[in-house]
């Protein structure tokens, strides 16, 4: 259920930026979601379609790119994708690891059409 306010925030930010820059048509919004973020992309897509009706974002394609979690071994410095091995370094077998870039959610960019040309 937390996807509704997240989606509304995405819409608010993109709408404000578009209006601030005189954009009349947003073609695509690219979002990045970390694998451990607990965000359900299908819910974001559903809420987005419902909430943008009648706005500058109606008809905009929403692209959500899910990035995999990574771990950094604090003992040997090896960095890798989190795998089925779990939170264990595949280089030295240490469990002294730090999770990297796995819970973020951000707007990567917006693709717009300049209809003034």
PDB file of N, CA and C in Angstrom:
ATOM      1  N   UNK A   1       0.810  -1.191   0.000  1.00  0.00           N
ATOM      2  CA  UNK A   1       0.000   0.000   0.000  1.00  0.00           C
ATOM      3  C   UNK A   1       0.859   1.263   0.000  1.00  0.00           C
ATOM      4  N   UNK A   2       2.127   1.147   0.409  1.00  0.00           N
ATOM      5  CA  UNK A   2       2.985   2.334   0.435  1.00  0.00           C
ATOM      6  C   UNK A   2       3.354   2.813  -0.970  1.00  0.00           C
ATOM      7  N   UNK A   3       2.994   2.044  -1.989  1.00  0.00           N
ATOM      8  CA  UNK A   3       3.275   2.464  -3.360  1.00  0.00           C
ATOM      9  C   UNK A   3       2.426   3.662  -3.787  1.00  0.00           C
ATOM     10  N   UNK A   4       1.237   3.833  -3.188  1.00  0.00           N
ATOM     11  CA  UNK A   4       0.385   4.966  -3.560  1.00  0.00           C
ATOM     12  C   UNK A   4       1.058   6.310  -3.246  1.00  0.00           C
ATOM     13  N   UNK A   5       1.518   6.558  -2.017  1.00  0.00           N
ATOM     14  CA  UNK A   5       2.189   7.838  -1.768  1.00  0.00           C
ATOM     15  C   UNK A   5       3.506   7.974  -2.527  1.00  0.00           C
ATOM     16  N   UNK A   6       4.193   6.868  -2.752  1.00  0.00           N
ATOM     17  CA  UNK A   6       5.435   6.913  -3.534  1.00  0.00           C
ATOM     18  C   UNK A   6       5.123   7.347  -4.964  1.00  0.00           C
ATOM     19  N   UNK A   7       4.089   6.759  -5.542  1.00  0.00           N
ATOM     20  CA  UNK A   7       3.691   7.101  -6.908  1.00  0.00           C
ATOM     21  C   UNK A   7       3.250   8.557  -6.991  1.00  0.00           C
ATOM     22  N   UNK A   8       2.495   9.015  -6.007  1.00  0.00           N
ATOM     23  CA  UNK A   8       2.049  10.405  -5.997  1.00  0.00           C
ATOM     24  C   UNK A   8       3.239  11.348  -5.921  1.00  0.00           C
ATOM     25  N   UNK A   9       4.254  10.991  -5.151  1.00  0.00           N
ATOM     26  CA  UNK A   9       5.466  11.810  -5.064  1.00  0.00           C
ATOM     27  C   UNK A   9       6.198  11.866  -6.396  1.00  0.00           C
ATOM     28  N   UNK A  10       6.290  10.740  -7.082  1.00  0.00           N
ATOM     29  CA  UNK A  10       6.928  10.699  -8.405  1.00  0.00           C
ATOM     30  C   UNK A  10       6.182  11.632  -9.352  1.00  0.00           C
ATOM     31  N   UNK A  11       4.876  11.545  -9.344  1.00  0.00           N
ATOM     32  CA  UNK A  11       4.048  12.385 -10.217  1.00  0.00           C
ATOM     33  C   UNK A  11       4.227  13.860  -9.869  1.00  0.00           C
ATOM     34  N   UNK A  12       4.201  14.182  -8.581  1.00  0.00           N
ATOM     35  CA  UNK A  12       4.362  15.575  -8.159  1.00  0.00           C
ATOM     36  C   UNK A  12       5.707  16.148  -8.595  1.00  0.00           C
ATOM     37  N   UNK A  13       6.772  15.400  -8.373  1.00  0.00           N
ATOM     38  CA  UNK A  13       8.111  15.864  -8.736  1.00  0.00           C
ATOM     39  C   UNK A  13       8.219  16.073 -10.244  1.00  0.00           C
ATOM     40  N   UNK A  14       7.763  15.098 -11.018  1.00  0.00           N
ATOM     41  CA  UNK A  14       7.869  15.191 -12.476  1.00  0.00           C
ATOM     42  C   UNK A  14       6.995  16.309 -13.039  1.00  0.00           C
ATOM     43  N   UNK A  15       5.801  16.474 -12.486  1.00  0.00           N
ATOM     44  CA  UNK A  15       4.909  17.541 -12.937  1.00  0.00           C
ATOM     45  C   UNK A  15       5.520  18.907 -12.644  1.00  0.00           C
ATOM     46  N   UNK A  16       6.050  19.076 -11.428  1.00  0.00           N
ATOM     47  CA  UNK A  16       6.671  20.345 -11.055  1.00  0.00           C
ATOM     48  C   UNK A  16       7.858  20.674 -11.965  1.00  0.00           C
ATOM     49  N   UNK A  17       8.700  19.688 -12.224  1.00  0.00           N
ATOM     50  CA  UNK A  17       9.869  19.916 -13.086  1.00  0.00           C
ATOM     51  C   UNK A  17       9.451  20.254 -14.517  1.00  0.00           C
ATOM     52  N   UNK A  18       8.454  19.546 -15.007  1.00  0.00           N
ATOM     53  CA  UNK A  18       7.974  19.805 -16.370  1.00  0.00           C
ATOM     54  C   UNK A  18       7.418  21.223 -16.472  1.00  0.00           C
ATOM     55  N   UNK A  19       6.585  21.595 -15.528  1.00  0.00           N
ATOM     56  CA  UNK A  19       5.984  22.930 -15.559  1.00  0.00           C
ATOM     57  C   UNK A  19       7.034  24.025 -15.375  1.00  0.00           C
ATOM     58  N   UNK A  20       7.978  23.791 -14.484  1.00  0.00           N
ATOM     59  CA  UNK A  20       9.044  24.761 -14.225  1.00  0.00           C
ATOM     60  C   UNK A  20       9.886  25.015 -15.477  1.00  0.00           C
ATOM     61  N   UNK A  21      10.026  23.991 -16.310  1.00  0.00           N
ATOM     62  CA  UNK A  21      10.856  24.097 -17.513  1.00  0.00           C
ATOM     63  C   UNK A  21      10.049  24.308 -18.791  1.00  0.00           C
ATOM     64  N   UNK A  22       8.760  24.572 -18.658  1.00  0.00           N
ATOM     65  CA  UNK A  22       7.925  24.856 -19.819  1.00  0.00           C
ATOM     66  C   UNK A  22       7.665  23.662 -20.720  1.00  0.00           C
ATOM     67  N   UNK A  23       7.790  22.461 -20.180  1.00  0.00           N
ATOM     68  CA  UNK A  23       7.562  21.237 -20.953  1.00  0.00           C
ATOM     69  C   UNK A  23       6.064  20.981 -21.060  1.00  0.00           C
ATOM     70  N   UNK A  24       5.624  20.681 -22.257  1.00  0.00           N
ATOM     71  CA  UNK A  24       4.199  20.403 -22.450  1.00  0.00           C
ATOM     72  C   UNK A  24       3.907  18.923 -22.656  1.00  0.00           C
ATOM     73  N   UNK A  25       4.942  18.123 -22.953  1.00  0.00           N
ATOM     74  CA  UNK A  25       4.726  16.693 -23.179  1.00  0.00           C
ATOM     75  C   UNK A  25       5.892  15.899 -22.608  1.00  0.00           C
ATOM     76  N   UNK A  26       5.584  15.026 -21.640  1.00  0.00           N
ATOM     77  CA  UNK A  26       6.573  14.116 -21.067  1.00  0.00           C
ATOM     78  C   UNK A  26       6.363  12.761 -21.735  1.00  0.00           C
ATOM     79  N   UNK A  27       7.372  12.309 -22.447  1.00  0.00           N
ATOM     80  CA  UNK A  27       7.272  11.030 -23.169  1.00  0.00           C
ATOM     81  C   UNK A  27       7.494   9.833 -22.245  1.00  0.00           C
ATOM     82  N   UNK A  28       8.521   9.936 -21.386  1.00  0.00           N
ATOM     83  CA  UNK A  28       8.888   8.786 -20.565  1.00  0.00           C
ATOM     84  C   UNK A  28       9.504   9.260 -19.256  1.00  0.00           C
ATOM     85  N   UNK A  29       9.207   8.530 -18.195  1.00  0.00           N
ATOM     86  CA  UNK A  29       9.846   8.743 -16.900  1.00  0.00           C
ATOM     87  C   UNK A  29      10.567   7.454 -16.553  1.00  0.00           C
ATOM     88  N   UNK A  30      11.852   7.557 -16.247  1.00  0.00           N
ATOM     89  CA  UNK A  30      12.664   6.399 -15.894  1.00  0.00           C
ATOM     90  C   UNK A  30      12.943   6.418 -14.394  1.00  0.00           C
ATOM     91  N   UNK A  31      12.535   5.347 -13.743  1.00  0.00           N
ATOM     92  CA  UNK A  31      12.669   5.197 -12.295  1.00  0.00           C
ATOM     93  C   UNK A  31      13.643   4.049 -12.016  1.00  0.00           C
ATOM     94  N   UNK A  32      14.439   4.196 -10.966  1.00  0.00           N
ATOM     95  CA  UNK A  32      15.327   3.129 -10.522  1.00  0.00           C
ATOM     96  C   UNK A  32      14.871   2.678  -9.143  1.00  0.00           C
ATOM     97  N   UNK A  33      14.726   1.360  -8.984  1.00  0.00           N
ATOM     98  CA  UNK A  33      14.269   0.771  -7.733  1.00  0.00           C
ATOM     99  C   UNK A  33      15.258  -0.321  -7.325  1.00  0.00           C
ATOM    100  N   UNK A  34      15.742  -0.230  -6.099  1.00  0.00           N
ATOM    101  CA  UNK A  34      16.633  -1.255  -5.569  1.00  0.00           C
ATOM    102  C   UNK A  34      15.877  -2.533  -5.255  1.00  0.00           C
ATOM    103  N   UNK A  35      16.536  -3.655  -5.429  1.00  0.00           N
ATOM    104  CA  UNK A  35      15.898  -4.968  -5.263  1.00  0.00           C
ATOM    105  C   UNK A  35      15.361  -5.206  -3.856  1.00  0.00           C
ATOM    106  N   UNK A  36      15.960  -4.578  -2.856  1.00  0.00           N
ATOM    107  CA  UNK A  36      15.515  -4.795  -1.478  1.00  0.00           C
ATOM    108  C   UNK A  36      14.661  -3.637  -0.958  1.00  0.00           C
ATOM    109  N   UNK A  37      14.072  -2.874  -1.859  1.00  0.00           N
ATOM    110  CA  UNK A  37      13.322  -1.673  -1.466  1.00  0.00           C
ATOM    111  C   UNK A  37      11.894  -1.954  -1.016  1.00  0.00           C
ATOM    112  N   UNK A  38      11.384  -3.136  -1.218  1.00  0.00           N
ATOM    113  CA  UNK A  38       9.995  -3.487  -0.895  1.00  0.00           C
ATOM    114  C   UNK A  38       8.986  -2.764  -1.775  1.00  0.00           C
ATOM    115  N   UNK A  39       9.422  -2.177  -2.876  1.00  0.00           N
ATOM    116  CA  UNK A  39       8.524  -1.521  -3.815  1.00  0.00           C
ATOM    117  C   UNK A  39       8.052  -2.570  -4.820  1.00  0.00           C
ATOM    118  N   UNK A  40       6.755  -2.592  -5.069  1.00  0.00           N
ATOM    119  CA  UNK A  40       6.178  -3.524  -6.036  1.00  0.00           C
ATOM    120  C   UNK A  40       5.927  -2.745  -7.337  1.00  0.00           C
ATOM    121  N   UNK A  41       6.765  -2.946  -8.361  1.00  0.00           N
ATOM    122  CA  UNK A  41       6.607  -2.185  -9.601  1.00  0.00           C
ATOM    123  C   UNK A  41       5.215  -2.246 -10.205  1.00  0.00           C
ATOM    124  N   UNK A  42       4.554  -3.387 -10.177  1.00  0.00           N
ATOM    125  CA  UNK A  42       3.210  -3.487 -10.753  1.00  0.00           C
ATOM    126  C   UNK A  42       2.231  -2.529 -10.070  1.00  0.00           C
ATOM    127  N   UNK A  43       2.385  -2.340  -8.776  1.00  0.00           N
ATOM    128  CA  UNK A  43       1.521  -1.400  -8.057  1.00  0.00           C
ATOM    129  C   UNK A  43       1.819   0.034  -8.476  1.00  0.00           C
ATOM    130  N   UNK A  44       3.093   0.361  -8.656  1.00  0.00           N
ATOM    131  CA  UNK A  44       3.473   1.706  -9.114  1.00  0.00           C
ATOM    132  C   UNK A  44       2.861   1.960 -10.489  1.00  0.00           C
ATOM    133  N   UNK A  45       2.978   0.982 -11.391  1.00  0.00           N
ATOM    134  CA  UNK A  45       2.397   1.134 -12.731  1.00  0.00           C
ATOM    135  C   UNK A  45       0.886   1.380 -12.647  1.00  0.00           C
ATOM    136  N   UNK A  46       0.201   0.597 -11.825  1.00  0.00           N
ATOM    137  CA  UNK A  46      -1.248   0.715 -11.706  1.00  0.00           C
ATOM    138  C   UNK A  46      -1.645   2.093 -11.165  1.00  0.00           C
ATOM    139  N   UNK A  47      -1.035   2.505 -10.069  1.00  0.00           N
ATOM    140  CA  UNK A  47      -1.360   3.806  -9.482  1.00  0.00           C
ATOM    141  C   UNK A  47      -1.010   4.944 -10.441  1.00  0.00           C
ATOM    142  N   UNK A  48       0.103   4.817 -11.132  1.00  0.00           N
ATOM    143  CA  UNK A  48       0.523   5.859 -12.062  1.00  0.00           C
ATOM    144  C   UNK A  48      -0.548   6.078 -13.129  1.00  0.00           C
ATOM    145  N   UNK A  49      -1.006   4.995 -13.734  1.00  0.00           N
ATOM    146  CA  UNK A  49      -2.023   5.104 -14.785  1.00  0.00           C
ATOM    147  C   UNK A  49      -3.303   5.760 -14.271  1.00  0.00           C
ATOM    148  N   UNK A  50      -3.684   5.452 -13.051  1.00  0.00           N
ATOM    149  CA  UNK A  50      -4.897   6.038 -12.482  1.00  0.00           C
ATOM    150  C   UNK A  50      -4.719   7.519 -12.130  1.00  0.00           C
ATOM    151  N   UNK A  51      -3.563   7.868 -11.580  1.00  0.00           N
ATOM    152  CA  UNK A  51      -3.354   9.215 -11.055  1.00  0.00           C
ATOM    153  C   UNK A  51      -2.990  10.266 -12.100  1.00  0.00           C
ATOM    154  N   UNK A  52      -2.486   9.835 -13.258  1.00  0.00           N
ATOM    155  CA  UNK A  52      -2.057  10.837 -14.256  1.00  0.00           C
ATOM    156  C   UNK A  52      -3.174  11.237 -15.218  1.00  0.00           C
ATOM    157  N   UNK A  53      -4.315  10.612 -15.120  1.00  0.00           N
ATOM    158  CA  UNK A  53      -5.421  10.963 -16.027  1.00  0.00           C
ATOM    159  C   UNK A  53      -5.776  12.437 -15.876  1.00  0.00           C
ATOM    160  N   UNK A  54      -5.826  13.127 -17.019  1.00  0.00           N
ATOM    161  CA  UNK A  54      -6.167  14.535 -17.024  1.00  0.00           C
ATOM    162  C   UNK A  54      -5.037  15.469 -16.629  1.00  0.00           C
ATOM    163  N   UNK A  55      -3.817  14.935 -16.523  1.00  0.00           N
ATOM    164  CA  UNK A  55      -2.669  15.765 -16.163  1.00  0.00           C
ATOM    165  C   UNK A  55      -1.692  15.830 -17.330  1.00  0.00           C
ATOM    166  N   UNK A  56      -0.649  16.623 -17.163  1.00  0.00           N
ATOM    167  CA  UNK A  56       0.403  16.742 -18.178  1.00  0.00           C
ATOM    168  C   UNK A  56       1.116  15.403 -18.407  1.00  0.00           C
ATOM    169  N   UNK A  57       1.004  14.488 -17.456  1.00  0.00           N
ATOM    170  CA  UNK A  57       1.681  13.193 -17.562  1.00  0.00           C
ATOM    171  C   UNK A  57       0.822  12.096 -18.190  1.00  0.00           C
ATOM    172  N   UNK A  58      -0.413  12.426 -18.522  1.00  0.00           N
ATOM    173  CA  UNK A  58      -1.266  11.412 -19.149  1.00  0.00           C
ATOM    174  C   UNK A  58      -0.617  10.964 -20.461  1.00  0.00           C
ATOM    175  N   UNK A  59      -0.516   9.653 -20.650  1.00  0.00           N
ATOM    176  CA  UNK A  59       0.111   9.094 -21.846  1.00  0.00           C
ATOM    177  C   UNK A  59       1.615   8.884 -21.715  1.00  0.00           C
ATOM    178  N   UNK A  60       2.176   9.312 -20.599  1.00  0.00           N
ATOM    179  CA  UNK A  60       3.614   9.135 -20.360  1.00  0.00           C
ATOM    180  C   UNK A  60       3.915   7.670 -20.075  1.00  0.00           C
ATOM    181  N   UNK A  61       5.000   7.176 -20.651  1.00  0.00           N
ATOM    182  CA  UNK A  61       5.448   5.811 -20.380  1.00  0.00           C
ATOM    183  C   UNK A  61       6.279   5.837 -19.110  1.00  0.00           C
ATOM    184  N   UNK A  62       5.953   4.965 -18.183  1.00  0.00           N
ATOM    185  CA  UNK A  62       6.726   4.821 -16.952  1.00  0.00           C
ATOM    186  C   UNK A  62       7.603   3.591 -17.104  1.00  0.00           C
ATOM    187  N   UNK A  63       8.892   3.793 -16.953  1.00  0.00           N
ATOM    188  CA  UNK A  63       9.856   2.692 -17.072  1.00  0.00           C
ATOM    189  C   UNK A  63      10.518   2.507 -15.708  1.00  0.00           C
ATOM    190  N   UNK A  64      10.380   1.318 -15.140  1.00  0.00           N
ATOM    191  CA  UNK A  64      10.988   1.030 -13.843  1.00  0.00           C
ATOM    192  C   UNK A  64      12.105   0.014 -14.043  1.00  0.00           C
ATOM    193  N   UNK A  65      13.305   0.440 -13.673  1.00  0.00           N
ATOM    194  CA  UNK A  65      14.469  -0.441 -13.780  1.00  0.00           C
ATOM    195  C   UNK A  65      14.828  -0.908 -12.371  1.00  0.00           C
ATOM    196  N   UNK A  66      14.776  -2.209 -12.180  1.00  0.00           N
ATOM    197  CA  UNK A  66      15.116  -2.776 -10.880  1.00  0.00           C
ATOM    198  C   UNK A  66      16.601  -3.134 -10.874  1.00  0.00           C
ATOM    199  N   UNK A  67      17.326  -2.618  -9.889  1.00  0.00           N
ATOM    200  CA  UNK A  67      18.744  -2.954  -9.810  1.00  0.00           C
ATOM    201  C   UNK A  67      18.977  -3.952  -8.688  1.00  0.00           C
ATOM    202  N   UNK A  68      19.900  -4.845  -8.932  1.00  0.00           N
ATOM    203  CA  UNK A  68      20.178  -5.909  -7.987  1.00  0.00           C
ATOM    204  C   UNK A  68      20.979  -5.379  -6.801  1.00  0.00           C
ATOM    205  N   UNK A  69      20.784  -6.041  -5.679  1.00  0.00           N
ATOM    206  CA  UNK A  69      21.548  -5.707  -4.485  1.00  0.00           C
ATOM    207  C   UNK A  69      22.989  -6.169  -4.663  1.00  0.00           C
ATOM    208  N   UNK A  70      23.893  -5.410  -4.079  1.00  0.00           N
ATOM    209  CA  UNK A  70      25.312  -5.751  -4.124  1.00  0.00           C
ATOM    210  C   UNK A  70      25.830  -5.791  -2.698  1.00  0.00           C
ATOM    211  N   UNK A  71      26.888  -6.559  -2.504  1.00  0.00           N
ATOM    212  CA  UNK A  71      27.537  -6.583  -1.198  1.00  0.00           C
ATOM    213  C   UNK A  71      29.016  -6.247  -1.374  1.00  0.00           C
ATOM    214  N   UNK A  72      29.559  -5.651  -0.333  1.00  0.00           N
ATOM    215  CA  UNK A  72      30.988  -5.326  -0.276  1.00  0.00           C
ATOM    216  C   UNK A  72      31.554  -6.021   0.947  1.00  0.00           C
ATOM    217  N   UNK A  73      32.571  -6.840   0.727  1.00  0.00           N
ATOM    218  CA  UNK A  73      33.206  -7.543   1.832  1.00  0.00           C
ATOM    219  C   UNK A  73      34.114  -6.565   2.578  1.00  0.00           C
ATOM    220  N   UNK A  74      33.882  -6.449   3.875  1.00  0.00           N
ATOM    221  CA  UNK A  74      34.683  -5.540   4.695  1.00  0.00           C
ATOM    222  C   UNK A  74      36.057  -6.126   5.018  1.00  0.00           C
ATOM    223  N   UNK A  75      36.215  -7.427   4.780  1.00  0.00           N
ATOM    224  CA  UNK A  75      37.493  -8.067   5.072  1.00  0.00           C
ATOM    225  C   UNK A  75      38.454  -8.035   3.887  1.00  0.00           C
ATOM    226  N   UNK A  76      37.965  -8.393   2.686  1.00  0.00           N
ATOM    227  CA  UNK A  76      38.871  -8.468   1.536  1.00  0.00           C
ATOM    228  C   UNK A  76      38.610  -7.391   0.486  1.00  0.00           C
ATOM    229  N   UNK A  77      37.497  -6.647   0.638  1.00  0.00           N
ATOM    230  CA  UNK A  77      37.194  -5.567  -0.299  1.00  0.00           C
ATOM    231  C   UNK A  77      36.514  -6.008  -1.587  1.00  0.00           C
ATOM    232  N   UNK A  78      36.182  -7.288  -1.701  1.00  0.00           N
ATOM    233  CA  UNK A  78      35.535  -7.798  -2.908  1.00  0.00           C
ATOM    234  C   UNK A  78      34.086  -7.318  -2.962  1.00  0.00           C
ATOM    235  N   UNK A  79      33.661  -6.872  -4.143  1.00  0.00           N
ATOM    236  CA  UNK A  79      32.284  -6.415  -4.342  1.00  0.00           C
ATOM    237  C   UNK A  79      31.617  -7.303  -5.372  1.00  0.00           C
ATOM    238  N   UNK A  80      30.367  -7.675  -5.104  1.00  0.00           N
ATOM    239  CA  UNK A  80      29.642  -8.556  -6.010  1.00  0.00           C
ATOM    240  C   UNK A  80      28.143  -8.403  -5.814  1.00  0.00           C
ATOM    241  N   UNK A  81      27.383  -8.965  -6.753  1.00  0.00           N
ATOM    242  CA  UNK A  81      25.927  -9.003  -6.610  1.00  0.00           C
ATOM    243  C   UNK A  81      25.557  -9.952  -5.486  1.00  0.00           C
ATOM    244  N   UNK A  82      24.509  -9.581  -4.773  1.00  0.00           N
ATOM    245  CA  UNK A  82      23.981 -10.470  -3.749  1.00  0.00           C
ATOM    246  C   UNK A  82      23.440 -11.695  -4.467  1.00  0.00           C
ATOM    247  N   UNK A  83      23.834 -12.871  -4.032  1.00  0.00           N
ATOM    248  CA  UNK A  83      23.438 -14.095  -4.735  1.00  0.00           C
ATOM    249  C   UNK A  83      22.729 -15.041  -3.779  1.00  0.00           C
ATOM    250  N   UNK A  84      22.504 -16.235  -4.256  1.00  0.00           N
ATOM    251  CA  UNK A  84      21.846 -17.257  -3.441  1.00  0.00           C
ATOM    252  C   UNK A  84      22.712 -17.648  -2.248  1.00  0.00           C
ATOM    253  N   UNK A  85      23.999 -17.316  -2.308  1.00  0.00           N
ATOM    254  CA  UNK A  85      24.880 -17.583  -1.167  1.00  0.00           C
ATOM    255  C   UNK A  85      24.503 -16.710   0.022  1.00  0.00           C
ATOM    256  N   UNK A  86      23.720 -15.678  -0.261  1.00  0.00           N
ATOM    257  CA  UNK A  86      23.305 -14.772   0.799  1.00  0.00           C
ATOM    258  C   UNK A  86      24.376 -13.737   1.107  1.00  0.00           C
ATOM    259  N   UNK A  87      24.462 -13.399   2.360  1.00  0.00           N
ATOM    260  CA  UNK A  87      25.366 -12.327   2.784  1.00  0.00           C
ATOM    261  C   UNK A  87      26.728 -12.896   3.166  1.00  0.00           C
ATOM    262  N   UNK A  88      27.347 -13.533   2.174  1.00  0.00           N
ATOM    263  CA  UNK A  88      28.644 -14.162   2.380  1.00  0.00           C
ATOM    264  C   UNK A  88      29.508 -13.887   1.158  1.00  0.00           C
ATOM    265  N   UNK A  89      30.728 -13.422   1.380  1.00  0.00           N
ATOM    266  CA  UNK A  89      31.647 -13.100   0.291  1.00  0.00           C
ATOM    267  C   UNK A  89      32.054 -14.376  -0.448  1.00  0.00           C
ATOM    268  N   UNK A  90      31.923 -14.357  -1.756  1.00  0.00           N
ATOM    269  CA  UNK A  90      32.306 -15.550  -2.529  1.00  0.00           C
ATOM    270  C   UNK A  90      33.812 -15.613  -2.741  1.00  0.00           C
ATOM    271  N   UNK A  91      34.527 -14.551  -2.399  1.00  0.00           N
ATOM    272  CA  UNK A  91      35.975 -14.535  -2.553  1.00  0.00           C
ATOM    273  C   UNK A  91      36.686 -15.115  -1.329  1.00  0.00           C
ATOM    274  N   UNK A  92      36.258 -14.688  -0.126  1.00  0.00           N
ATOM    275  CA  UNK A  92      36.962 -15.136   1.081  1.00  0.00           C
ATOM    276  C   UNK A  92      36.052 -15.834   2.097  1.00  0.00           C
ATOM    277  N   UNK A  93      34.781 -15.979   1.773  1.00  0.00           N
ATOM    278  CA  UNK A  93      33.775 -16.621   2.626  1.00  0.00           C
ATOM    279  C   UNK A  93      33.436 -15.852   3.905  1.00  0.00           C
ATOM    280  N   UNK A  94      33.847 -14.619   4.001  1.00  0.00           N
ATOM    281  CA  UNK A  94      33.533 -13.810   5.169  1.00  0.00           C
ATOM    282  C   UNK A  94      32.053 -13.420   5.154  1.00  0.00           C
ATOM    283  N   UNK A  95      31.483 -13.316   6.321  1.00  0.00           N
ATOM    284  CA  UNK A  95      30.114 -12.823   6.461  1.00  0.00           C
ATOM    285  C   UNK A  95      30.106 -11.361   6.906  1.00  0.00           C
ATOM    286  N   UNK A  96      31.276 -10.755   6.944  1.00  0.00           N
ATOM    287  CA  UNK A  96      31.438  -9.358   7.334  1.00  0.00           C
ATOM    288  C   UNK A  96      31.272  -8.487   6.083  1.00  0.00           C
ATOM    289  N   UNK A  97      30.024  -8.317   5.652  1.00  0.00           N
ATOM    290  CA  UNK A  97      29.741  -7.613   4.406  1.00  0.00           C
ATOM    291  C   UNK A  97      28.810  -6.429   4.644  1.00  0.00           C
ATOM    292  N   UNK A  98      28.880  -5.505   3.729  1.00  0.00           N
ATOM    293  CA  UNK A  98      28.001  -4.334   3.740  1.00  0.00           C
ATOM    294  C   UNK A  98      27.114  -4.410   2.504  1.00  0.00           C
ATOM    295  N   UNK A  99      25.808  -4.158   2.692  1.00  0.00           N
ATOM    296  CA  UNK A  99      24.879  -4.155   1.565  1.00  0.00           C
ATOM    297  C   UNK A  99      24.967  -2.812   0.870  1.00  0.00           C
ATOM    298  N   UNK A 100      25.091  -2.841  -0.458  1.00  0.00           N
ATOM    299  CA  UNK A 100      25.213  -1.623  -1.251  1.00  0.00           C
ATOM    300  C   UNK A 100      24.023  -1.461  -2.190  1.00  0.00           C
ATOM    301  N   UNK A 101      23.556  -0.248  -2.343  1.00  0.00           N
ATOM    302  CA  UNK A 101      22.584   0.106  -3.379  1.00  0.00           C
ATOM    303  C   UNK A 101      21.440  -0.854  -3.568  1.00  0.00           C
ATOM    304  N   UNK A 102      20.734  -1.147  -2.516  1.00  0.00           N
ATOM    305  CA  UNK A 102      19.678  -2.139  -2.673  1.00  0.00           C
ATOM    306  C   UNK A 102      18.294  -1.633  -2.300  1.00  0.00           C
ATOM    307  N   UNK A 103      18.220  -0.522  -1.586  1.00  0.00           N
ATOM    308  CA  UNK A 103      16.907  -0.078  -1.130  1.00  0.00           C
ATOM    309  C   UNK A 103      16.516   1.285  -1.680  1.00  0.00           C
ATOM    310  N   UNK A 104      17.271   1.782  -2.627  1.00  0.00           N
ATOM    311  CA  UNK A 104      16.974   3.112  -3.157  1.00  0.00           C
ATOM    312  C   UNK A 104      15.795   3.115  -4.114  1.00  0.00           C
ATOM    313  N   UNK A 105      15.243   4.304  -4.260  1.00  0.00           N
ATOM    314  CA  UNK A 105      14.186   4.567  -5.228  1.00  0.00           C
ATOM    315  C   UNK A 105      14.390   6.005  -5.672  1.00  0.00           C
ATOM    316  N   UNK A 106      14.607   6.206  -6.968  1.00  0.00           N
ATOM    317  CA  UNK A 106      14.787   7.567  -7.448  1.00  0.00           C
ATOM    318  C   UNK A 106      14.374   7.701  -8.905  1.00  0.00           C
ATOM    319  N   UNK A 107      14.094   8.945  -9.278  1.00  0.00           N
ATOM    320  CA  UNK A 107      13.787   9.264 -10.669  1.00  0.00           C
ATOM    321  C   UNK A 107      15.118   9.469 -11.372  1.00  0.00           C
ATOM    322  N   UNK A 108      15.399   8.621 -12.333  1.00  0.00           N
ATOM    323  CA  UNK A 108      16.664   8.721 -13.058  1.00  0.00           C
ATOM    324  C   UNK A 108      16.626   9.884 -14.050  1.00  0.00           C
ATOM    325  N   UNK A 109      15.553   9.954 -14.842  1.00  0.00           N
ATOM    326  CA  UNK A 109      15.393  11.059 -15.776  1.00  0.00           C
ATOM    327  C   UNK A 109      14.007  11.043 -16.391  1.00  0.00           C
ATOM    328  N   UNK A 110      13.727  12.110 -17.139  1.00  0.00           N
ATOM    329  CA  UNK A 110      12.474  12.220 -17.884  1.00  0.00           C
ATOM    330  C   UNK A 110      12.840  12.526 -19.323  1.00  0.00           C
ATOM    331  N   UNK A 111      12.142  11.899 -20.238  1.00  0.00           N
ATOM    332  CA  UNK A 111      12.312  12.197 -21.655  1.00  0.00           C
ATOM    333  C   UNK A 111      11.121  13.053 -22.074  1.00  0.00           C
ATOM    334  N   UNK A 112      11.422  14.202 -22.667  1.00  0.00           N
ATOM    335  CA  UNK A 112      10.356  15.153 -23.006  1.00  0.00           C
ATOM    336  C   UNK A 112      10.439  15.536 -24.477  1.00  0.00           C
ATOM    337  N   UNK A 113       9.329  16.067 -24.968  1.00  0.00           N
ATOM    338  CA  UNK A 113       9.268  16.598 -26.322  1.00  0.00           C
ATOM    339  C   UNK A 113       9.116  18.104 -26.217  1.00  0.00           C
ATOM    340  N   UNK A 114       9.948  18.807 -26.934  1.00  0.00           N
ATOM    341  CA  UNK A 114       9.829  20.266 -26.977  1.00  0.00           C
ATOM    342  C   UNK A 114       8.921  20.606 -28.135  1.00  0.00           C
ATOM    343  N   UNK A 115       7.659  20.857 -27.857  1.00  0.00           N
ATOM    344  CA  UNK A 115       6.678  21.120 -28.909  1.00  0.00           C
ATOM    345  C   UNK A 115       6.726  22.552 -29.417  1.00  0.00           C
ATOM    346  N   UNK A 116       7.671  23.337 -28.907  1.00  0.00           N
ATOM    347  CA  UNK A 116       7.795  24.738 -29.366  1.00  0.00           C
ATOM    348  C   UNK A 116       8.497  24.819 -30.715  1.00  0.00           C
ATOM    349  N   UNK A 117       9.196  23.738 -31.090  1.00  0.00           N
ATOM    350  CA  UNK A 117       9.940  23.755 -32.389  1.00  0.00           C
ATOM    351  C   UNK A 117       9.023  23.617 -33.569  1.00  0.00           C
TER     352      UNK A 117
END
